[in-house]
Amino acid sequence: MREAGCVDLRQIASALVWAWTDRPVGDPGVADAMDLYERLRAEPDRPELLLELSA
């Protein structure tokens, strides 16, 4: 079960593939797909996502 507010990256990846392959060129729904992709790629670099591991 996912926590409220959590994003399933598999669903986002699936939506991006759909947007890039099944939508016509110039479709408004695809216009921001590259921006979304870049923002998702930057997520793992956020320091607040790191967890301290104790021995």
PDB file of N, CA and C in Angstrom:
ATOM      1  N   MET A   1       0.834  -1.183   0.000  1.00  0.00           N
ATOM      2  CA  MET A   1       0.000   0.000   0.000  1.00  0.00           C
ATOM      3  C   MET A   1       0.878   1.246   0.000  1.00  0.00           C
ATOM      4  N   ARG A   2       0.537   2.215  -0.841  1.00  0.00           N
ATOM      5  CA  ARG A   2       1.288   3.457  -0.923  1.00  0.00           C
ATOM      6  C   ARG A   2       0.764   4.474   0.071  1.00  0.00           C
ATOM      7  N   GLU A   3       1.676   5.293   0.587  1.00  0.00           N
ATOM      8  CA  GLU A   3       1.276   6.382   1.464  1.00  0.00           C
ATOM      9  C   GLU A   3       0.650   7.488   0.625  1.00  0.00           C
ATOM     10  N   ALA A   4      -0.229   8.259   1.244  1.00  0.00           N
ATOM     11  CA  ALA A   4      -0.839   9.392   0.549  1.00  0.00           C
ATOM     12  C   ALA A   4       0.253  10.361   0.120  1.00  0.00           C
ATOM     13  N   GLY A   5       0.174  10.843  -1.081  1.00  0.00           N
ATOM     14  CA  GLY A   5       1.150  11.790  -1.593  1.00  0.00           C
ATOM     15  C   GLY A   5       2.347  11.145  -2.275  1.00  0.00           C
ATOM     16  N   CYS A   6       2.482   9.828  -2.191  1.00  0.00           N
ATOM     17  CA  CYS A   6       3.593   9.143  -2.852  1.00  0.00           C
ATOM     18  C   CYS A   6       3.282   8.992  -4.336  1.00  0.00           C
ATOM     19  N   VAL A   7       4.321   9.031  -5.130  1.00  0.00           N
ATOM     20  CA  VAL A   7       4.174   8.923  -6.571  1.00  0.00           C
ATOM     21  C   VAL A   7       4.739   7.588  -7.024  1.00  0.00           C
ATOM     22  N   ASP A   8       4.001   6.877  -7.846  1.00  0.00           N
ATOM     23  CA  ASP A   8       4.480   5.621  -8.407  1.00  0.00           C
ATOM     24  C   ASP A   8       5.241   5.940  -9.693  1.00  0.00           C
ATOM     25  N   LEU A   9       6.568   5.844  -9.635  1.00  0.00           N
ATOM     26  CA  LEU A   9       7.388   6.208 -10.790  1.00  0.00           C
ATOM     27  C   LEU A   9       7.126   5.312 -11.990  1.00  0.00           C
ATOM     28  N   ARG A  10       6.676   4.083 -11.760  1.00  0.00           N
ATOM     29  CA  ARG A  10       6.351   3.196 -12.897  1.00  0.00           C
ATOM     30  C   ARG A  10       5.173   3.752 -13.680  1.00  0.00           C
ATOM     31  N   GLN A  11       4.196   4.309 -12.984  1.00  0.00           N
ATOM     32  CA  GLN A  11       3.042   4.887 -13.675  1.00  0.00           C
ATOM     33  C   GLN A  11       3.449   6.127 -14.453  1.00  0.00           C
ATOM     34  N   ILE A  12       4.327   6.933 -13.866  1.00  0.00           N
ATOM     35  CA  ILE A  12       4.796   8.131 -14.567  1.00  0.00           C
ATOM     36  C   ILE A  12       5.598   7.739 -15.796  1.00  0.00           C
ATOM     37  N   ALA A  13       6.485   6.755 -15.650  1.00  0.00           N
ATOM     38  CA  ALA A  13       7.284   6.297 -16.792  1.00  0.00           C
ATOM     39  C   ALA A  13       6.377   5.770 -17.900  1.00  0.00           C
ATOM     40  N   SER A  14       5.364   5.023 -17.521  1.00  0.00           N
ATOM     41  CA  SER A  14       4.420   4.493 -18.512  1.00  0.00           C
ATOM     42  C   SER A  14       3.694   5.626 -19.226  1.00  0.00           C
ATOM     43  N   ALA A  15       3.301   6.648 -18.474  1.00  0.00           N
ATOM     44  CA  ALA A  15       2.613   7.795 -19.083  1.00  0.00           C
ATOM     45  C   ALA A  15       3.533   8.549 -20.033  1.00  0.00           C
ATOM     46  N   LEU A  16       4.819   8.685 -19.671  1.00  0.00           N
ATOM     47  CA  LEU A  16       5.767   9.365 -20.553  1.00  0.00           C
ATOM     48  C   LEU A  16       5.955   8.591 -21.856  1.00  0.00           C
ATOM     49  N   VAL A  17       6.090   7.283 -21.756  1.00  0.00           N
ATOM     50  CA  VAL A  17       6.236   6.470 -22.968  1.00  0.00           C
ATOM     51  C   VAL A  17       5.002   6.633 -23.846  1.00  0.00           C
ATOM     52  N   TRP A  18       3.836   6.579 -23.244  1.00  0.00           N
ATOM     53  CA  TRP A  18       2.596   6.769 -24.008  1.00  0.00           C
ATOM     54  C   TRP A  18       2.589   8.140 -24.681  1.00  0.00           C
ATOM     55  N   ALA A  19       2.959   9.177 -23.926  1.00  0.00           N
ATOM     56  CA  ALA A  19       2.931  10.537 -24.474  1.00  0.00           C
ATOM     57  C   ALA A  19       3.893  10.688 -25.641  1.00  0.00           C
ATOM     58  N   TRP A  20       5.080  10.086 -25.527  1.00  0.00           N
ATOM     59  CA  TRP A  20       6.090  10.249 -26.570  1.00  0.00           C
ATOM     60  C   TRP A  20       5.838   9.378 -27.794  1.00  0.00           C
ATOM     61  N   THR A  21       5.099   8.284 -27.649  1.00  0.00           N
ATOM     62  CA  THR A  21       4.952   7.377 -28.786  1.00  0.00           C
ATOM     63  C   THR A  21       3.563   7.347 -29.407  1.00  0.00           C
ATOM     64  N   ASP A  22       2.537   7.608 -28.635  1.00  0.00           N
ATOM     65  CA  ASP A  22       1.174   7.456 -29.145  1.00  0.00           C
ATOM     66  C   ASP A  22       0.445   8.770 -29.418  1.00  0.00           C
ATOM     67  N   ARG A  23       1.012   9.885 -29.027  1.00  0.00           N
ATOM     68  CA  ARG A  23       0.355  11.168 -29.232  1.00  0.00           C
ATOM     69  C   ARG A  23       0.953  11.849 -30.457  1.00  0.00           C
ATOM     70  N   PRO A  24       0.142  12.595 -31.181  1.00  0.00           N
ATOM     71  CA  PRO A  24       0.665  13.289 -32.367  1.00  0.00           C
ATOM     72  C   PRO A  24       1.616  14.424 -31.982  1.00  0.00           C
ATOM     73  N   VAL A  25       2.516  14.745 -32.896  1.00  0.00           N
ATOM     74  CA  VAL A  25       3.451  15.851 -32.688  1.00  0.00           C
ATOM     75  C   VAL A  25       2.649  17.127 -32.456  1.00  0.00           C
ATOM     76  N   GLY A  26       3.049  17.896 -31.463  1.00  0.00           N
ATOM     77  CA  GLY A  26       2.378  19.150 -31.159  1.00  0.00           C
ATOM     78  C   GLY A  26       1.198  19.012 -30.210  1.00  0.00           C
ATOM     79  N   ASP A  27       0.876  17.799 -29.793  1.00  0.00           N
ATOM     80  CA  ASP A  27      -0.235  17.589 -28.866  1.00  0.00           C
ATOM     81  C   ASP A  27       0.055  18.323 -27.557  1.00  0.00           C
ATOM     82  N   PRO A  28      -0.895  19.110 -27.042  1.00  0.00           N
ATOM     83  CA  PRO A  28      -0.655  19.860 -25.803  1.00  0.00           C
ATOM     84  C   PRO A  28      -0.329  18.961 -24.613  1.00  0.00           C
ATOM     85  N   GLY A  29      -0.844  17.755 -24.590  1.00  0.00           N
ATOM     86  CA  GLY A  29      -0.566  16.839 -23.491  1.00  0.00           C
ATOM     87  C   GLY A  29       0.867  16.360 -23.454  1.00  0.00           C
ATOM     88  N   VAL A  30       1.593  16.533 -24.543  1.00  0.00           N
ATOM     89  CA  VAL A  30       2.976  16.081 -24.632  1.00  0.00           C
ATOM     90  C   VAL A  30       3.951  17.242 -24.428  1.00  0.00           C
ATOM     91  N   ALA A  31       3.461  18.449 -24.496  1.00  0.00           N
ATOM     92  CA  ALA A  31       4.324  19.627 -24.478  1.00  0.00           C
ATOM     93  C   ALA A  31       5.270  19.673 -23.283  1.00  0.00           C
ATOM     94  N   ASP A  32       4.822  19.285 -22.118  1.00  0.00           N
ATOM     95  CA  ASP A  32       5.663  19.365 -20.932  1.00  0.00           C
ATOM     96  C   ASP A  32       6.263  18.025 -20.519  1.00  0.00           C
ATOM     97  N   ALA A  33       6.191  17.033 -21.378  1.00  0.00           N
ATOM     98  CA  ALA A  33       6.699  15.705 -21.018  1.00  0.00           C
ATOM     99  C   ALA A  33       8.205  15.731 -20.751  1.00  0.00           C
ATOM    100  N   MET A  34       8.959  16.461 -21.534  1.00  0.00           N
ATOM    101  CA  MET A  34      10.408  16.508 -21.336  1.00  0.00           C
ATOM    102  C   MET A  34      10.744  17.203 -20.018  1.00  0.00           C
ATOM    103  N   ASP A  35      10.013  18.251 -19.683  1.00  0.00           N
ATOM    104  CA  ASP A  35      10.220  18.939 -18.409  1.00  0.00           C
ATOM    105  C   ASP A  35       9.948  17.984 -17.243  1.00  0.00           C
ATOM    106  N   LEU A  36       8.870  17.228 -17.319  1.00  0.00           N
ATOM    107  CA  LEU A  36       8.548  16.256 -16.279  1.00  0.00           C
ATOM    108  C   LEU A  36       9.657  15.212 -16.160  1.00  0.00           C
ATOM    109  N   TYR A  37      10.142  14.738 -17.290  1.00  0.00           N
ATOM    110  CA  TYR A  37      11.227  13.753 -17.296  1.00  0.00           C
ATOM    111  C   TYR A  37      12.465  14.302 -16.576  1.00  0.00           C
ATOM    112  N   GLU A  38      12.844  15.529 -16.887  1.00  0.00           N
ATOM    113  CA  GLU A  38      14.028  16.134 -16.270  1.00  0.00           C
ATOM    114  C   GLU A  38      13.827  16.324 -14.767  1.00  0.00           C
ATOM    115  N   ARG A  39      12.639  16.728 -14.358  1.00  0.00           N
ATOM    116  CA  ARG A  39      12.371  16.902 -12.925  1.00  0.00           C
ATOM    117  C   ARG A  39      12.438  15.567 -12.198  1.00  0.00           C
ATOM    118  N   LEU A  40      11.936  14.506 -12.824  1.00  0.00           N
ATOM    119  CA  LEU A  40      11.991  13.185 -12.197  1.00  0.00           C
ATOM    120  C   LEU A  40      13.423  12.673 -12.083  1.00  0.00           C
ATOM    121  N   ARG A  41      14.229  12.953 -13.101  1.00  0.00           N
ATOM    122  CA  ARG A  41      15.634  12.527 -13.052  1.00  0.00           C
ATOM    123  C   ARG A  41      16.384  13.244 -11.944  1.00  0.00           C
ATOM    124  N   ALA A  42      15.991  14.456 -11.596  1.00  0.00           N
ATOM    125  CA  ALA A  42      16.663  15.241 -10.562  1.00  0.00           C
ATOM    126  C   ALA A  42      16.261  14.806  -9.152  1.00  0.00           C
ATOM    127  N   GLU A  43      15.155  14.117  -9.005  1.00  0.00           N
ATOM    128  CA  GLU A  43      14.660  13.741  -7.676  1.00  0.00           C
ATOM    129  C   GLU A  43      15.676  12.982  -6.828  1.00  0.00           C
ATOM    130  N   PRO A  44      16.361  11.971  -7.343  1.00  0.00           N
ATOM    131  CA  PRO A  44      17.303  11.228  -6.483  1.00  0.00           C
ATOM    132  C   PRO A  44      18.458  12.079  -5.958  1.00  0.00           C
ATOM    133  N   ASP A  45      18.709  13.231  -6.541  1.00  0.00           N
ATOM    134  CA  ASP A  45      19.810  14.099  -6.105  1.00  0.00           C
ATOM    135  C   ASP A  45      19.423  15.004  -4.934  1.00  0.00           C
ATOM    136  N   ARG A  46      18.170  14.980  -4.533  1.00  0.00           N
ATOM    137  CA  ARG A  46      17.729  15.829  -3.423  1.00  0.00           C
ATOM    138  C   ARG A  46      18.263  15.269  -2.113  1.00  0.00           C
ATOM    139  N   PRO A  47      19.025  16.063  -1.345  1.00  0.00           N
ATOM    140  CA  PRO A  47      19.627  15.565  -0.110  1.00  0.00           C
ATOM    141  C   PRO A  47      18.595  15.128   0.934  1.00  0.00           C
ATOM    142  N   GLU A  48      17.418  15.715   0.938  1.00  0.00           N
ATOM    143  CA  GLU A  48      16.418  15.335   1.938  1.00  0.00           C
ATOM    144  C   GLU A  48      15.847  13.941   1.692  1.00  0.00           C
ATOM    145  N   LEU A  49      16.154  13.336   0.555  1.00  0.00           N
ATOM    146  CA  LEU A  49      15.704  11.977   0.287  1.00  0.00           C
ATOM    147  C   LEU A  49      16.659  10.921   0.846  1.00  0.00           C
ATOM    148  N   LEU A  50      17.835  11.354   1.264  1.00  0.00           N
ATOM    149  CA  LEU A  50      18.819  10.418   1.800  1.00  0.00           C
ATOM    150  C   LEU A  50      18.450  10.038   3.230  1.00  0.00           C
ATOM    151  N   LEU A  51      18.653   8.799   3.546  1.00  0.00           N
ATOM    152  CA  LEU A  51      18.376   8.294   4.891  1.00  0.00           C
ATOM    153  C   LEU A  51      19.682   7.879   5.537  1.00  0.00           C
ATOM    154  N   GLU A  52      19.840   8.223   6.804  1.00  0.00           N
ATOM    155  CA  GLU A  52      21.023   7.809   7.528  1.00  0.00           C
ATOM    156  C   GLU A  52      20.849   6.348   7.957  1.00  0.00           C
ATOM    157  N   LEU A  53      21.843   5.539   7.643  1.00  0.00           N
ATOM    158  CA  LEU A  53      21.824   4.135   8.025  1.00  0.00           C
ATOM    159  C   LEU A  53      22.688   3.946   9.261  1.00  0.00           C
ATOM    160  N   SER A  54      22.116   3.326  10.260  1.00  0.00           N
ATOM    161  CA  SER A  54      22.910   3.072  11.467  1.00  0.00           C
ATOM    162  C   SER A  54      23.273   1.590  11.526  1.00  0.00           C
ATOM    163  N   ALA A  55      24.399   1.314  12.120  1.00  0.00           N
ATOM    164  CA  ALA A  55      24.888  -0.068  12.188  1.00  0.00           C
ATOM    165  C   ALA A  55      24.185  -0.882  13.240  1.00  0.00           C
TER     166      ALA A  55
END
